[in-house]
Amino acid sequence: MVAKEVWDKPRPKGLGKPKALTPAKKAKAKAAAAAAGRPYPNLVDNIRAAKKGMAKSKPAKR
């Protein structure tokens, strides 16, 4: 069975309502996109920037 991509999954209910990225997190996402040769950040860049700096309360599932 093939796992669904992150953009094909619904948002987990335990996360609550989505919050806007801070200007610093937006800059990190834009920098990641530029490093990858993209003109603007994609969903994965935004998710990665949003997760940076969050407290690690539980390990990520794989």
C-alpha atoms as a PDB file:
ATOM      1  CA  MET A   1       0.000   0.000   0.000  1.00  0.00           C
ATOM      2  CA  VAL A   2       1.335   3.409  -0.961  1.00  0.00           C
ATOM      3  CA  ALA A   3       1.186   6.148   1.680  1.00  0.00           C
ATOM      4  CA  LYS A   4      -0.690   9.326   0.770  1.00  0.00           C
ATOM      5  CA  GLU A   5       1.297  12.468   0.137  1.00  0.00           C
ATOM      6  CA  VAL A   6       1.014  15.269   2.700  1.00  0.00           C
ATOM      7  CA  TRP A   7      -1.152  17.375   0.357  1.00  0.00           C
ATOM      8  CA  ASP A   8      -3.604  14.475  -0.112  1.00  0.00           C
ATOM      9  CA  LYS A   9      -4.272  14.073   3.628  1.00  0.00           C
ATOM     10  CA  PRO A  10      -6.742  16.129   5.666  1.00  0.00           C
ATOM     11  CA  ARG A  11      -5.381  18.317   8.437  1.00  0.00           C
ATOM     12  CA  PRO A  12      -5.144  16.378  11.731  1.00  0.00           C
ATOM     13  CA  LYS A  13      -7.969  17.376  14.080  1.00  0.00           C
ATOM     14  CA  GLY A  14      -5.674  17.521  17.118  1.00  0.00           C
ATOM     15  CA  LEU A  15      -3.734  20.474  15.698  1.00  0.00           C
ATOM     16  CA  GLY A  16      -6.538  22.980  16.105  1.00  0.00           C
ATOM     17  CA  LYS A  17      -7.099  25.885  13.734  1.00  0.00           C
ATOM     18  CA  PRO A  18      -4.311  26.823  11.319  1.00  0.00           C
ATOM     19  CA  LYS A  19      -2.246  29.886  12.217  1.00  0.00           C
ATOM     20  CA  ALA A  20      -0.515  32.306   9.864  1.00  0.00           C
ATOM     21  CA  LEU A  21       3.242  32.056   9.480  1.00  0.00           C
ATOM     22  CA  THR A  22       5.225  34.764  11.230  1.00  0.00           C
ATOM     23  CA  PRO A  23       7.362  37.024   9.038  1.00  0.00           C
ATOM     24  CA  ALA A  24      10.474  35.150  10.227  1.00  0.00           C
ATOM     25  CA  LYS A  25       8.956  31.776   9.299  1.00  0.00           C
ATOM     26  CA  LYS A  26       7.888  33.158   5.917  1.00  0.00           C
ATOM     27  CA  ALA A  27      11.474  34.260   5.325  1.00  0.00           C
ATOM     28  CA  LYS A  28      12.737  30.750   6.201  1.00  0.00           C
ATOM     29  CA  ALA A  29      10.258  29.193   3.758  1.00  0.00           C
ATOM     30  CA  LYS A  30      11.292  31.642   1.018  1.00  0.00           C
ATOM     31  CA  ALA A  31      14.973  30.904   1.678  1.00  0.00           C
ATOM     32  CA  ALA A  32      14.339  27.159   1.436  1.00  0.00           C
ATOM     33  CA  ALA A  33      12.530  27.664  -1.862  1.00  0.00           C
ATOM     34  CA  ALA A  34      15.340  29.827  -3.232  1.00  0.00           C
ATOM     35  CA  ALA A  35      17.926  27.227  -2.177  1.00  0.00           C
ATOM     36  CA  ALA A  36      15.948  24.611  -4.111  1.00  0.00           C
ATOM     37  CA  GLY A  37      15.694  26.876  -7.178  1.00  0.00           C
ATOM     38  CA  ARG A  38      12.003  27.695  -6.839  1.00  0.00           C
ATOM     39  CA  PRO A  39      10.700  31.279  -7.134  1.00  0.00           C
ATOM     40  CA  TYR A  40       8.301  30.883  -4.198  1.00  0.00           C
ATOM     41  CA  PRO A  41       7.767  28.405  -1.323  1.00  0.00           C
ATOM     42  CA  ASN A  42       5.604  25.318  -1.735  1.00  0.00           C
ATOM     43  CA  LEU A  43       3.499  23.522   0.881  1.00  0.00           C
ATOM     44  CA  VAL A  44       6.431  21.435   2.109  1.00  0.00           C
ATOM     45  CA  ASP A  45       8.604  24.561   2.618  1.00  0.00           C
ATOM     46  CA  ASN A  46       5.781  26.177   4.594  1.00  0.00           C
ATOM     47  CA  ILE A  47       5.201  23.094   6.755  1.00  0.00           C
ATOM     48  CA  ARG A  48       8.909  22.744   7.469  1.00  0.00           C
ATOM     49  CA  ALA A  49       9.185  26.455   8.381  1.00  0.00           C
ATOM     50  CA  ALA A  50       6.104  26.220  10.634  1.00  0.00           C
ATOM     51  CA  LYS A  51       7.537  23.204  12.472  1.00  0.00           C
ATOM     52  CA  LYS A  52      10.921  24.833  13.141  1.00  0.00           C
ATOM     53  CA  GLY A  53      11.129  26.064  16.708  1.00  0.00           C
ATOM     54  CA  MET A  54       8.191  24.021  17.963  1.00  0.00           C
ATOM     55  CA  ALA A  55       8.711  22.079  21.177  1.00  0.00           C
ATOM     56  CA  LYS A  56       9.277  18.401  20.515  1.00  0.00           C
ATOM     57  CA  SER A  57       6.701  16.831  22.791  1.00  0.00           C
ATOM     58  CA  LYS A  58       6.516  13.522  20.942  1.00  0.00           C
ATOM     59  CA  PRO A  59       8.626  11.880  18.241  1.00  0.00           C
ATOM     60  CA  ALA A  60       7.498  12.037  14.629  1.00  0.00           C
ATOM     61  CA  LYS A  61       5.732   8.970  13.250  1.00  0.00           C
ATOM     62  CA  ARG A  62       7.135   7.337  10.155  1.00  0.00           C
END
